[in-house]
C-alpha atoms as a PDB file:
ATOM      1  CA  MET A   1     -23.442  -4.569  20.729  1.00  0.00           C
ATOM      2  CA  LYS A   2     -23.880  -1.674  18.334  1.00  0.00           C
ATOM      3  CA  VAL A   3     -21.072   0.032  16.449  1.00  0.00           C
ATOM      4  CA  LEU A   4     -21.191   2.931  14.010  1.00  0.00           C
ATOM      5  CA  VAL A   5     -20.210   2.173  10.414  1.00  0.00           C
ATOM      6  CA  SER A   6     -19.129   4.778   7.933  1.00  0.00           C
ATOM      7  CA  ALA A   7     -21.371   5.719   4.998  1.00  0.00           C
ATOM      8  CA  GLY A   8     -19.185   3.771   2.576  1.00  0.00           C
ATOM      9  CA  THR A   9     -19.258   0.699   4.722  1.00  0.00           C
ATOM     10  CA  TYR A  10     -23.024   1.017   5.299  1.00  0.00           C
ATOM     11  CA  TYR A  11     -23.785   1.237   1.578  1.00  0.00           C
ATOM     12  CA  PHE A  12     -21.879  -1.975   0.935  1.00  0.00           C
ATOM     13  CA  ILE A  13     -23.699  -3.817   3.761  1.00  0.00           C
ATOM     14  CA  LYS A  14     -27.117  -2.536   2.710  1.00  0.00           C
ATOM     15  CA  LYS A  15     -26.821  -2.215  -1.094  1.00  0.00           C
ATOM     16  CA  GLN A  16     -23.630  -4.125  -2.018  1.00  0.00           C
ATOM     17  CA  ILE A  17     -22.150  -0.901  -3.419  1.00  0.00           C
ATOM     18  CA  LYS A  18     -18.453  -0.969  -2.579  1.00  0.00           C
ATOM     19  CA  ILE A  19     -16.764   2.440  -2.564  1.00  0.00           C
ATOM     20  CA  SER A  20     -13.950   1.674  -0.122  1.00  0.00           C
ATOM     21  CA  ASN A  21     -11.424  -1.111   0.381  1.00  0.00           C
ATOM     22  CA  THR A  22     -11.494  -0.665   4.144  1.00  0.00           C
ATOM     23  CA  ALA A  23     -14.535  -1.095   6.463  1.00  0.00           C
ATOM     24  CA  TYR A  24     -14.605   1.748   8.987  1.00  0.00           C
ATOM     25  CA  LEU A  25     -16.114   1.259  12.455  1.00  0.00           C
ATOM     26  CA  LEU A  26     -16.568   3.802  15.267  1.00  0.00           C
ATOM     27  CA  GLN A  27     -17.466   3.324  18.868  1.00  0.00           C
ATOM     28  CA  THR A  28     -20.825   4.785  19.896  1.00  0.00           C
ATOM     29  CA  GLY A  29     -21.490   7.302  22.634  1.00  0.00           C
ATOM     30  CA  GLY A  30     -19.304  10.248  21.806  1.00  0.00           C
ATOM     31  CA  CYS A  31     -15.948  11.144  23.395  1.00  0.00           C
ATOM     32  CA  ARG A  32     -14.998  12.736  26.765  1.00  0.00           C
ATOM     33  CA  ALA A  33     -12.108  14.569  25.243  1.00  0.00           C
ATOM     34  CA  SER A  34     -12.438  18.221  24.240  1.00  0.00           C
ATOM     35  CA  CYS A  35     -10.767  18.435  20.837  1.00  0.00           C
ATOM     36  CA  LYS A  36     -12.197  21.552  19.215  1.00  0.00           C
ATOM     37  CA  PHE A  37     -12.130  20.257  15.672  1.00  0.00           C
ATOM     38  CA  CYS A  38     -13.962  16.997  16.342  1.00  0.00           C
ATOM     39  CA  THR A  39     -17.719  16.151  16.049  1.00  0.00           C
ATOM     40  CA  GLN A  40     -17.332  13.409  18.755  1.00  0.00           C
ATOM     41  CA  SER A  41     -15.856  15.892  21.268  1.00  0.00           C
ATOM     42  CA  ALA A  42     -17.609  16.690  24.575  1.00  0.00           C
ATOM     43  CA  LEU A  43     -17.528  20.334  23.406  1.00  0.00           C
ATOM     44  CA  SER A  44     -19.346  19.640  20.187  1.00  0.00           C
ATOM     45  CA  THR A  45     -23.070  20.047  19.642  1.00  0.00           C
ATOM     46  CA  ALA A  46     -22.804  18.210  16.314  1.00  0.00           C
ATOM     47  CA  ASP A  47     -24.716  14.998  15.708  1.00  0.00           C
ATOM     48  CA  LYS A  48     -22.628  12.170  17.216  1.00  0.00           C
ATOM     49  CA  THR A  49     -23.344  10.041  14.186  1.00  0.00           C
ATOM     50  CA  TYR A  50     -20.837  12.184  12.280  1.00  0.00           C
ATOM     51  CA  LEU A  51     -17.087  12.041  12.313  1.00  0.00           C
ATOM     52  CA  SER A  52     -15.534  14.920  10.367  1.00  0.00           C
ATOM     53  CA  ARG A  53     -18.046  15.329   7.504  1.00  0.00           C
ATOM     54  CA  VAL A  54     -18.878  11.649   7.105  1.00  0.00           C
ATOM     55  CA  LYS A  55     -22.162  10.144   8.253  1.00  0.00           C
ATOM     56  CA  TRP A  56     -21.948   6.963  10.336  1.00  0.00           C
ATOM     57  CA  TYR A  57     -24.808   4.471  10.944  1.00  0.00           C
ATOM     58  CA  PRO A  58     -25.482   2.413  14.075  1.00  0.00           C
ATOM     59  CA  LEU A  59     -25.700  -1.303  13.382  1.00  0.00           C
ATOM     60  CA  GLU A  60     -25.495  -4.479  15.467  1.00  0.00           C
ATOM     61  CA  LEU A  61     -22.050  -5.899  15.194  1.00  0.00           C
ATOM     62  CA  GLU A  62     -23.324  -9.487  15.233  1.00  0.00           C
ATOM     63  CA  GLU A  63     -25.452  -8.796  12.177  1.00  0.00           C
ATOM     64  CA  ILE A  64     -22.690  -7.202  10.050  1.00  0.00           C
ATOM     65  CA  LYS A  65     -19.527  -9.108  11.041  1.00  0.00           C
ATOM     66  CA  ASP A  66     -19.677 -11.462   8.048  1.00  0.00           C
ATOM     67  CA  TYR A  67     -19.860  -8.518   5.671  1.00  0.00           C
ATOM     68  CA  LEU A  68     -16.781  -6.999   7.263  1.00  0.00           C
ATOM     69  CA  SER A  69     -14.689  -9.994   6.373  1.00  0.00           C
ATOM     70  CA  THR A  70     -15.058  -9.196   2.629  1.00  0.00           C
ATOM     71  CA  PHE A  71     -13.086  -5.922   2.971  1.00  0.00           C
ATOM     72  CA  ASP A  72      -9.300  -5.794   2.668  1.00  0.00           C
ATOM     73  CA  ARG A  73      -9.108  -4.248   6.165  1.00  0.00           C
ATOM     74  CA  VAL A  74     -11.299  -3.353   9.104  1.00  0.00           C
ATOM     75  CA  CYS A  75     -10.414  -0.181  10.932  1.00  0.00           C
ATOM     76  CA  LEU A  76     -11.939   0.567  14.360  1.00  0.00           C
ATOM     77  CA  GLN A  77     -11.994   4.198  15.564  1.00  0.00           C
ATOM     78  CA  THR A  78     -12.163   4.534  19.296  1.00  0.00           C
ATOM     79  CA  VAL A  79     -13.440   7.265  21.633  1.00  0.00           C
ATOM     80  CA  ILE A  80     -12.617   8.013  25.236  1.00  0.00           C
ATOM     81  CA  LYS A  81     -15.560   6.780  27.297  1.00  0.00           C
ATOM     82  CA  GLU A  82     -16.180   4.536  30.263  1.00  0.00           C
ATOM     83  CA  GLY A  83     -15.228   0.957  29.429  1.00  0.00           C
ATOM     84  CA  PHE A  84     -14.001   1.760  25.945  1.00  0.00           C
ATOM     85  CA  GLU A  85     -10.895  -0.474  26.247  1.00  0.00           C
ATOM     86  CA  ASP A  86     -13.001  -3.549  27.142  1.00  0.00           C
ATOM     87  CA  GLU A  87     -15.399  -2.707  24.275  1.00  0.00           C
ATOM     88  CA  VAL A  88     -12.513  -2.574  21.851  1.00  0.00           C
ATOM     89  CA  ILE A  89     -11.469  -6.071  22.852  1.00  0.00           C
ATOM     90  CA  LYS A  90     -14.988  -7.391  22.446  1.00  0.00           C
ATOM     91  CA  VAL A  91     -15.392  -5.782  18.981  1.00  0.00           C
ATOM     92  CA  LEU A  92     -12.097  -7.130  17.704  1.00  0.00           C
ATOM     93  CA  SER A  93     -12.802 -10.571  19.086  1.00  0.00           C
ATOM     94  CA  LYS A  94     -15.945 -10.800  16.945  1.00  0.00           C
ATOM     95  CA  ILE A  95     -14.350  -9.647  13.664  1.00  0.00           C
ATOM     96  CA  ASN A  96     -12.823 -12.268  11.413  1.00  0.00           C
ATOM     97  CA  SER A  97     -10.576 -10.226   9.109  1.00  0.00           C
ATOM     98  CA  ARG A  98      -7.069 -10.793   7.863  1.00  0.00           C
ATOM     99  CA  HIS A  99      -6.095  -7.203   8.520  1.00  0.00           C
ATOM    100  CA  LYS A 100      -7.255  -5.022  11.454  1.00  0.00           C
ATOM    101  CA  SER A 101      -6.376  -1.506  12.421  1.00  0.00           C
ATOM    102  CA  VAL A 102      -7.334   0.400  15.559  1.00  0.00           C
ATOM    103  CA  THR A 103      -7.046   4.155  16.074  1.00  0.00           C
ATOM    104  CA  ILE A 104      -6.661   4.824  19.751  1.00  0.00           C
ATOM    105  CA  THR A 105      -5.552   7.285  22.406  1.00  0.00           C
ATOM    106  CA  PRO A 106      -2.694   6.402  24.810  1.00  0.00           C
ATOM    107  CA  VAL A 107      -3.327   3.093  26.575  1.00  0.00           C
ATOM    108  CA  SER A 108      -1.202   0.573  28.515  1.00  0.00           C
ATOM    109  CA  ASP A 109       1.412  -1.757  27.023  1.00  0.00           C
ATOM    110  CA  ALA A 110      -0.784  -4.642  28.180  1.00  0.00           C
ATOM    111  CA  LEU A 111      -3.647  -3.462  26.006  1.00  0.00           C
ATOM    112  CA  LEU A 112      -1.314  -2.896  23.036  1.00  0.00           C
ATOM    113  CA  LEU A 113      -0.103  -6.502  23.342  1.00  0.00           C
ATOM    114  CA  LYS A 114      -3.734  -7.681  23.539  1.00  0.00           C
ATOM    115  CA  LEU A 115      -4.614  -5.766  20.338  1.00  0.00           C
ATOM    116  CA  LYS A 116      -1.727  -7.435  18.554  1.00  0.00           C
ATOM    117  CA  GLU A 117      -2.853 -10.836  19.880  1.00  0.00           C
ATOM    118  CA  LEU A 118      -6.330 -10.076  18.402  1.00  0.00           C
ATOM    119  CA  GLY A 119      -4.924  -9.564  14.929  1.00  0.00           C
ATOM    120  CA  VAL A 120      -4.266  -5.847  14.859  1.00  0.00           C
ATOM    121  CA  ASP A 121      -1.323  -5.309  12.516  1.00  0.00           C
ATOM    122  CA  TYR A 122      -1.412  -1.520  12.279  1.00  0.00           C
ATOM    123  CA  LEU A 123      -2.182   1.071  14.980  1.00  0.00           C
ATOM    124  CA  GLY A 124      -3.416   4.631  14.435  1.00  0.00           C
ATOM    125  CA  VAL A 125      -2.736   7.419  16.895  1.00  0.00           C
ATOM    126  CA  GLY A 126      -4.474  10.787  16.733  1.00  0.00           C
ATOM    127  CA  LEU A 127      -1.689  13.161  17.680  1.00  0.00           C
ATOM    128  CA  ASP A 128      -3.479  15.602  15.364  1.00  0.00           C
ATOM    129  CA  THR A 129      -1.452  18.761  16.059  1.00  0.00           C
ATOM    130  CA  VAL A 130       1.888  20.262  17.084  1.00  0.00           C
ATOM    131  CA  LYS A 131       3.083  20.844  20.614  1.00  0.00           C
ATOM    132  CA  SER A 132       2.555  24.610  20.605  1.00  0.00           C
ATOM    133  CA  LEU A 133      -1.106  24.315  19.713  1.00  0.00           C
ATOM    134  CA  TRP A 134      -1.920  21.441  22.077  1.00  0.00           C
ATOM    135  CA  LYS A 135      -3.968  23.373  24.651  1.00  0.00           C
ATOM    136  CA  GLU A 136      -5.541  25.641  22.037  1.00  0.00           C
ATOM    137  CA  VAL A 137      -6.785  22.665  20.103  1.00  0.00           C
ATOM    138  CA  GLY A 138      -8.052  20.954  23.275  1.00  0.00           C
ATOM    139  CA  LYS A 139      -6.200  17.695  23.060  1.00  0.00           C
ATOM    140  CA  PRO A 140      -6.291  15.362  26.102  1.00  0.00           C
ATOM    141  CA  TYR A 141      -3.275  14.377  28.178  1.00  0.00           C
ATOM    142  CA  SER A 142      -0.103  16.094  26.930  1.00  0.00           C
ATOM    143  CA  PHE A 143       1.907  16.159  23.748  1.00  0.00           C
ATOM    144  CA  ASP A 144       4.902  14.491  25.455  1.00  0.00           C
ATOM    145  CA  TYR A 145       2.664  11.716  26.868  1.00  0.00           C
ATOM    146  CA  TYR A 146       1.381  11.013  23.366  1.00  0.00           C
ATOM    147  CA  MET A 147       4.942  10.877  21.978  1.00  0.00           C
ATOM    148  CA  ASP A 148       5.954   8.417  24.699  1.00  0.00           C
ATOM    149  CA  PHE A 149       2.954   6.276  23.799  1.00  0.00           C
ATOM    150  CA  ILE A 150       3.851   6.315  20.099  1.00  0.00           C
ATOM    151  CA  LYS A 151       7.370   5.098  21.001  1.00  0.00           C
ATOM    152  CA  ARG A 152       5.876   2.299  23.077  1.00  0.00           C
ATOM    153  CA  ALA A 153       3.454   1.375  20.292  1.00  0.00           C
ATOM    154  CA  VAL A 154       6.262   1.162  17.749  1.00  0.00           C
ATOM    155  CA  LYS A 155       8.066  -1.330  20.023  1.00  0.00           C
ATOM    156  CA  VAL A 156       4.952  -3.523  20.058  1.00  0.00           C
ATOM    157  CA  PHE A 157       3.812  -3.289  16.412  1.00  0.00           C
ATOM    158  CA  GLY A 158       7.138  -2.641  14.723  1.00  0.00           C
ATOM    159  CA  ALA A 159       8.599   0.189  12.587  1.00  0.00           C
ATOM    160  CA  ARG A 160       6.176   1.814  10.219  1.00  0.00           C
ATOM    161  CA  HIS A 161       3.207  -0.004  11.678  1.00  0.00           C
ATOM    162  CA  VAL A 162       2.074   2.893  13.788  1.00  0.00           C
ATOM    163  CA  TYR A 163       0.344   5.653  11.772  1.00  0.00           C
ATOM    164  CA  VAL A 164       0.275   9.021  13.486  1.00  0.00           C
ATOM    165  CA  HIS A 165      -2.615  11.216  12.386  1.00  0.00           C
ATOM    166  CA  LEU A 166      -1.767  14.890  11.783  1.00  0.00           C
ATOM    167  CA  ILE A 167      -4.267  17.509  10.766  1.00  0.00           C
ATOM    168  CA  VAL A 168      -2.932  20.189   8.483  1.00  0.00           C
ATOM    169  CA  GLY A 169      -4.470  23.654   8.862  1.00  0.00           C
ATOM    170  CA  LEU A 170      -5.158  24.095  12.561  1.00  0.00           C
ATOM    171  CA  GLY A 171      -2.934  27.118  12.737  1.00  0.00           C
ATOM    172  CA  GLU A 172       0.473  25.421  12.990  1.00  0.00           C
ATOM    173  CA  SER A 173       3.608  26.837  11.466  1.00  0.00           C
ATOM    174  CA  GLU A 174       5.023  24.873   8.548  1.00  0.00           C
ATOM    175  CA  GLY A 175       8.347  24.583  10.336  1.00  0.00           C
ATOM    176  CA  GLU A 176       6.933  23.008  13.546  1.00  0.00           C
ATOM    177  CA  LEU A 177       4.748  20.648  11.532  1.00  0.00           C
ATOM    178  CA  VAL A 178       7.670  19.424   9.455  1.00  0.00           C
ATOM    179  CA  ASN A 179       9.822  19.113  12.625  1.00  0.00           C
ATOM    180  CA  THR A 180       7.091  16.988  14.196  1.00  0.00           C
ATOM    181  CA  MET A 181       6.923  14.752  11.160  1.00  0.00           C
ATOM    182  CA  GLU A 182      10.662  14.348  11.152  1.00  0.00           C
ATOM    183  CA  GLU A 183      10.670  13.357  14.893  1.00  0.00           C
ATOM    184  CA  LEU A 184       7.860  10.787  14.254  1.00  0.00           C
ATOM    185  CA  TYR A 185       9.780   9.194  11.338  1.00  0.00           C
ATOM    186  CA  SER A 186      12.990   9.157  13.450  1.00  0.00           C
ATOM    187  CA  ILE A 187      11.279   6.951  16.110  1.00  0.00           C
ATOM    188  CA  GLY A 188       9.919   4.551  13.520  1.00  0.00           C
ATOM    189  CA  ALA A 189       6.387   5.783  13.129  1.00  0.00           C
ATOM    190  CA  GLU A 190       4.546   6.742   9.924  1.00  0.00           C
ATOM    191  CA  VAL A 191       2.358   9.766   9.272  1.00  0.00           C
ATOM    192  CA  ALA A 192      -1.169   9.963   7.945  1.00  0.00           C
ATOM    193  CA  LEU A 193      -2.160  13.417   6.848  1.00  0.00           C
ATOM    194  CA  PHE A 194      -5.658  14.937   7.121  1.00  0.00           C
ATOM    195  CA  ALA A 195      -6.783  18.336   5.878  1.00  0.00           C
ATOM    196  CA  PHE A 196      -8.616  20.325   8.552  1.00  0.00           C
ATOM    197  CA  THR A 197     -12.391  20.212   7.832  1.00  0.00           C
ATOM    198  CA  PRO A 198     -14.665  22.694   9.644  1.00  0.00           C
ATOM    199  CA  VAL A 199     -17.887  21.014  10.780  1.00  0.00           C
ATOM    200  CA  LYS A 200     -20.923  22.835  12.131  1.00  0.00           C
ATOM    201  CA  GLY A 201     -21.368  22.380  15.888  1.00  0.00           C
ATOM    202  CA  THR A 202     -17.674  22.176  16.697  1.00  0.00           C
ATOM    203  CA  PRO A 203     -15.798  25.073  18.356  1.00  0.00           C
ATOM    204  CA  PHE A 204     -13.667  25.336  15.166  1.00  0.00           C
ATOM    205  CA  GLU A 205     -16.645  25.449  12.809  1.00  0.00           C
ATOM    206  CA  SER A 206     -15.625  28.956  11.593  1.00  0.00           C
ATOM    207  CA  LYS A 207     -12.048  28.076  10.838  1.00  0.00           C
ATOM    208  CA  GLN A 208     -11.093  27.963   7.200  1.00  0.00           C
ATOM    209  CA  ARG A 209      -9.836  24.877   5.371  1.00  0.00           C
ATOM    210  CA  PRO A 210      -6.090  24.995   4.556  1.00  0.00           C
ATOM    211  CA  PRO A 211      -5.088  26.296   1.189  1.00  0.00           C
ATOM    212  CA  LEU A 212      -4.626  23.396  -1.222  1.00  0.00           C
ATOM    213  CA  GLU A 213      -1.136  24.565  -2.193  1.00  0.00           C
ATOM    214  CA  TYR A 214      -0.065  24.470   1.433  1.00  0.00           C
ATOM    215  CA  TYR A 215      -1.539  20.989   1.889  1.00  0.00           C
ATOM    216  CA  ARG A 216       0.169  19.712  -1.273  1.00  0.00           C
ATOM    217  CA  LYS A 217       3.519  20.974   0.023  1.00  0.00           C
ATOM    218  CA  ILE A 218       3.122  19.142   3.269  1.00  0.00           C
ATOM    219  CA  GLN A 219       2.038  15.958   1.370  1.00  0.00           C
ATOM    220  CA  LYS A 220       5.224  16.134  -0.675  1.00  0.00           C
ATOM    221  CA  ILE A 221       7.408  16.590   2.425  1.00  0.00           C
ATOM    222  CA  ARG A 222       5.674  13.658   4.144  1.00  0.00           C
ATOM    223  CA  TYR A 223       6.177  11.460   1.086  1.00  0.00           C
ATOM    224  CA  ARG A 224       9.888  12.351   0.999  1.00  0.00           C
ATOM    225  CA  LEU A 225      10.274  11.629   4.670  1.00  0.00           C
ATOM    226  CA  SER A 226       8.549   8.318   4.234  1.00  0.00           C
ATOM    227  CA  THR A 227      10.255   7.054   1.077  1.00  0.00           C
ATOM    228  CA  GLY A 228      13.286   9.208   0.522  1.00  0.00           C
ATOM    229  CA  LYS A 229      11.887  10.047  -2.918  1.00  0.00           C
ATOM    230  CA  ASP A 230      10.098  12.801  -4.738  1.00  0.00           C
ATOM    231  CA  SER A 231       7.006  11.593  -6.629  1.00  0.00           C
ATOM    232  CA  GLU A 232       3.731  12.710  -8.212  1.00  0.00           C
ATOM    233  CA  ILE A 233       1.904  10.101  -6.044  1.00  0.00           C
ATOM    234  CA  ALA A 234       2.491  12.035  -2.913  1.00  0.00           C
ATOM    235  CA  PHE A 235      -1.076  13.218  -2.950  1.00  0.00           C
ATOM    236  CA  LEU A 236      -2.586   9.808  -2.383  1.00  0.00           C
ATOM    237  CA  THR A 237      -4.340   9.093   0.928  1.00  0.00           C
ATOM    238  CA  SER A 238      -1.650   8.286   3.519  1.00  0.00           C
ATOM    239  CA  GLY A 239      -2.550   5.613   6.100  1.00  0.00           C
ATOM    240  CA  CYS A 240      -2.541   1.906   6.747  1.00  0.00           C
ATOM    241  CA  PRO A 241      -2.521  -0.440   3.785  1.00  0.00           C
ATOM    242  CA  SER A 242      -5.905  -0.257   1.967  1.00  0.00           C
ATOM    243  CA  CYS A 243      -6.832   3.007   3.747  1.00  0.00           C
ATOM    244  CA  ASP A 244      -8.643   5.214   1.331  1.00  0.00           C
ATOM    245  CA  ARG A 245     -11.264   7.115   3.461  1.00  0.00           C
ATOM    246  CA  PRO A 246     -12.925   8.657   0.347  1.00  0.00           C
ATOM    247  CA  TYR A 247     -14.375  12.124   0.842  1.00  0.00           C
ATOM    248  CA  TYR A 248     -13.439  12.258   4.516  1.00  0.00           C
ATOM    249  CA  ASN A 249     -11.949  15.795   4.061  1.00  0.00           C
ATOM    250  CA  GLU A 250     -14.073  17.040   1.190  1.00  0.00           C
ATOM    251  CA  SER A 251     -17.421  16.888  -0.569  1.00  0.00           C
ATOM    252  CA  PRO A 252     -17.952  14.646  -3.619  1.00  0.00           C
ATOM    253  CA  LEU A 253     -18.825  17.908  -5.379  1.00  0.00           C
ATOM    254  CA  ASP A 254     -15.275  19.314  -4.850  1.00  0.00           C
ATOM    255  CA  ARG A 255     -13.388  19.396  -8.137  1.00  0.00           C
ATOM    256  CA  THR A 256     -10.064  18.873  -6.384  1.00  0.00           C
ATOM    257  CA  LEU A 257      -9.506  16.340  -3.547  1.00  0.00           C
ATOM    258  CA  TYR A 258      -7.104  16.968  -0.662  1.00  0.00           C
ATOM    259  CA  ASN A 259      -6.482  13.224  -0.369  1.00  0.00           C
ATOM    260  CA  ILE A 260      -6.767  11.152  -3.536  1.00  0.00           C
ATOM    261  CA  PRO A 261      -7.920   7.493  -2.852  1.00  0.00           C
ATOM    262  CA  LEU A 262      -5.231   4.845  -3.286  1.00  0.00           C
ATOM    263  CA  ARG A 263      -4.268   3.612  -6.770  1.00  0.00           C
ATOM    264  CA  ASP A 264      -5.826   0.202  -6.172  1.00  0.00           C
ATOM    265  CA  PHE A 265      -9.142   1.845  -5.193  1.00  0.00           C
ATOM    266  CA  LYS A 266     -11.799  -0.554  -6.614  1.00  0.00           C
ATOM    267  CA  TRP A 267     -15.285   0.407  -7.682  1.00  0.00           C
ATOM    268  CA  SER A 268     -17.596  -2.594  -7.764  1.00  0.00           C
END
């Protein structure tokens, strides 16, 4: 069974160059959803070995599973395709890691419980945008259905163990974005912020990245909602423990990063 591994994970497996504390995996085959920002989308003509601006490499899971156990965390990104839920179970069953995360679209409570049984301690949910932009962005299902799923997931994994992904810069108003974050924190979820990144081949390839000042403001608000404090470390990558996703939103040539890798980021 093949999975896609992120460039950082691939470099460690092939060259023992470790640039990330988390091993990132992605299901193959592309996604049936029609999110206009996503390279994996059914609307995208982009190479399906890319997610955002990161290159991913197809490898046999059986051949790499021992390497994965050396990372602090393994994070599996899912796509909507036929049989994807069964494949998720098979992948997780083969991975021997102390900490596992899965980013997934709405699924049944039975599958959530199975994921927890297989060692998943944090769940990621790609809400991505605010309610008023839902159809414009092309998200599947409905905003309310996602919010109900997030509430169900919090019941299974516990408070602050469900990270809801929000993309800043899709055209949302600051007020609606902040209100959405406040609602997510009120139900026990956490928020992981991403800066919108235009990628060639997607319907949103001509959209501009958000101004850094706007993104920094949202990062500060998210940090305050999460911790109740103001701090200069608000600009660190927000996500599951050990999540760093270096250069997911930007090029290594960029002088300023939207998301700064975590403080315990280890180069080895």
